[in-house]
Amino acid sequence: MSFDDRQRGQETKFQLDQDLEFKAQARRAKLVGLWAAGLMGLDGDAADQYAKSVVVADLEEAGTEDLFRKIRADLDQQAVQLSDHQIRAKMEEALAEARISVKAGT
């Protein structure tokens, strides 16, 4: 295998890994959105719409702070009592679950 072939293979793997991570982060936002919707008493279409709004909010900037701020503000507005740590822990748990799901292709 030539150096160029190996380099192209590595670039392809890197791109695939990036695509999978993007999908996992979007799925994490949806999972966290559905979780928060449940805490706020939303279900069915209302919960789905809220989860979609969380996914959109997560695309506002790089990192997780946009996602955290959206969830924190919405839970506070609905008087749902959770610590920042509990929200962040749920975000990490959802990301781990999303990565497994994305890698499995489900």
Protein backbone atom coordinates (compact mmCIF):
# COMPACT_ATOMS: atom_id res chain seq x y z
CA MET A 1 0.00 0.00 0.00
CA SER A 2 1.45 3.35 -0.96
CA PHE A 3 1.68 6.34 1.33
CA ASP A 4 -1.00 8.18 -0.68
CA ASP A 5 -3.41 5.24 -0.39
CA ARG A 6 -2.84 5.06 3.35
CA GLN A 7 -3.36 8.81 3.70
CA ARG A 8 -6.62 8.69 1.71
CA GLY A 9 -7.79 5.82 3.89
CA GLN A 10 -7.05 7.80 7.04
CA GLU A 11 -8.82 10.86 5.66
CA THR A 12 -11.85 8.76 4.78
CA LYS A 13 -11.91 7.21 8.27
CA PHE A 14 -11.59 10.65 9.87
CA GLN A 15 -14.51 11.97 7.80
CA LEU A 16 -16.64 8.95 8.70
CA ASP A 17 -15.81 9.38 12.38
CA GLN A 18 -16.78 13.06 12.19
CA ASP A 19 -20.07 12.23 10.49
CA LEU A 20 -20.89 9.62 13.12
CA GLU A 21 -20.05 12.04 15.94
CA PHE A 22 -22.29 14.73 14.42
CA LYS A 23 -25.15 12.24 14.21
CA ALA A 24 -24.53 11.12 17.80
CA GLN A 25 -24.59 14.70 19.06
CA ALA A 26 -27.84 15.42 17.21
CA ARG A 27 -29.35 12.23 18.63
CA ARG A 28 -28.14 13.24 22.10
CA ALA A 29 -29.94 16.57 21.77
CA LYS A 30 -33.13 14.78 20.79
CA LEU A 31 -32.85 12.32 23.69
CA VAL A 32 -32.21 15.12 26.17
CA GLY A 33 -35.07 17.09 24.66
CA LEU A 34 -37.46 14.18 25.09
CA TRP A 35 -36.25 13.69 28.66
CA ALA A 36 -36.77 17.37 29.49
CA ALA A 37 -40.16 17.35 27.75
CA GLY A 38 -41.25 14.54 30.04
CA LEU A 39 -40.11 16.48 33.09
CA MET A 40 -42.14 19.46 31.90
CA GLY A 41 -45.26 17.34 31.40
CA LEU A 42 -45.16 17.29 27.59
CA ASP A 43 -46.00 14.15 25.65
CA GLY A 44 -46.82 13.00 22.14
CA ASP A 45 -46.47 15.64 19.43
CA ALA A 46 -45.70 18.38 21.94
CA ALA A 47 -42.73 16.38 23.25
CA ASP A 48 -41.51 15.66 19.72
CA GLN A 49 -41.77 19.33 18.76
CA TYR A 50 -39.89 20.35 21.88
CA ALA A 51 -37.15 17.79 21.18
CA LYS A 52 -36.80 19.20 17.65
CA SER A 53 -36.41 22.69 19.08
CA VAL A 54 -33.64 21.38 21.33
CA VAL A 55 -31.82 19.86 18.34
CA VAL A 56 -32.01 23.21 16.53
CA ALA A 57 -30.78 25.05 19.62
CA ASP A 58 -27.82 22.67 19.86
CA LEU A 59 -26.70 23.76 16.38
CA GLU A 60 -26.35 27.42 17.38
CA GLU A 61 -22.71 27.13 18.45
CA ALA A 62 -19.96 24.57 18.86
CA GLY A 63 -19.88 22.62 22.10
CA THR A 64 -22.61 21.78 24.55
CA GLU A 65 -23.28 25.09 26.27
CA ASP A 66 -26.06 26.07 23.85
CA LEU A 67 -27.81 22.79 24.56
CA PHE A 68 -27.34 23.17 28.31
CA ARG A 69 -28.60 26.79 28.33
CA LYS A 70 -31.76 25.83 26.41
CA ILE A 71 -32.59 22.95 28.75
CA ARG A 72 -31.71 24.94 31.89
CA ALA A 73 -33.84 27.92 30.86
CA ASP A 74 -36.83 25.81 29.84
CA LEU A 75 -36.76 23.71 33.01
CA ASP A 76 -36.44 26.87 35.12
CA GLN A 77 -39.37 28.45 33.28
CA GLN A 78 -41.51 25.40 34.10
CA ALA A 79 -40.26 25.34 37.73
CA VAL A 80 -38.61 21.93 37.33
CA GLN A 81 -36.04 21.64 40.10
CA LEU A 82 -32.82 20.04 38.86
CA SER A 83 -29.21 20.94 39.51
CA ASP A 84 -26.82 21.87 36.73
CA HIS A 85 -24.94 18.68 37.56
CA GLN A 86 -28.05 16.55 37.01
CA ILE A 87 -28.68 18.14 33.61
CA ARG A 88 -25.06 17.76 32.52
CA ALA A 89 -25.00 14.15 33.74
CA LYS A 90 -28.10 13.41 31.66
CA MET A 91 -26.44 15.06 28.65
CA GLU A 92 -23.38 12.81 29.06
CA GLU A 93 -25.53 9.71 29.55
CA ALA A 94 -27.55 10.55 26.44
CA LEU A 95 -24.38 11.12 24.39
CA ALA A 96 -23.02 7.70 25.39
CA GLU A 97 -26.36 6.10 24.47
CA ALA A 98 -26.49 8.02 21.17
CA ARG A 99 -22.94 6.98 20.19
CA ILE A 100 -23.79 3.32 20.75
CA SER A 101 -27.00 3.68 18.75
CA VAL A 102 -25.32 5.50 15.86
CA LYS A 103 -22.47 2.99 15.66
CA ALA A 104 -25.01 0.16 15.64
CA GLY A 105 -26.89 1.88 12.83
CA THR A 106 -30.13 2.11 14.74
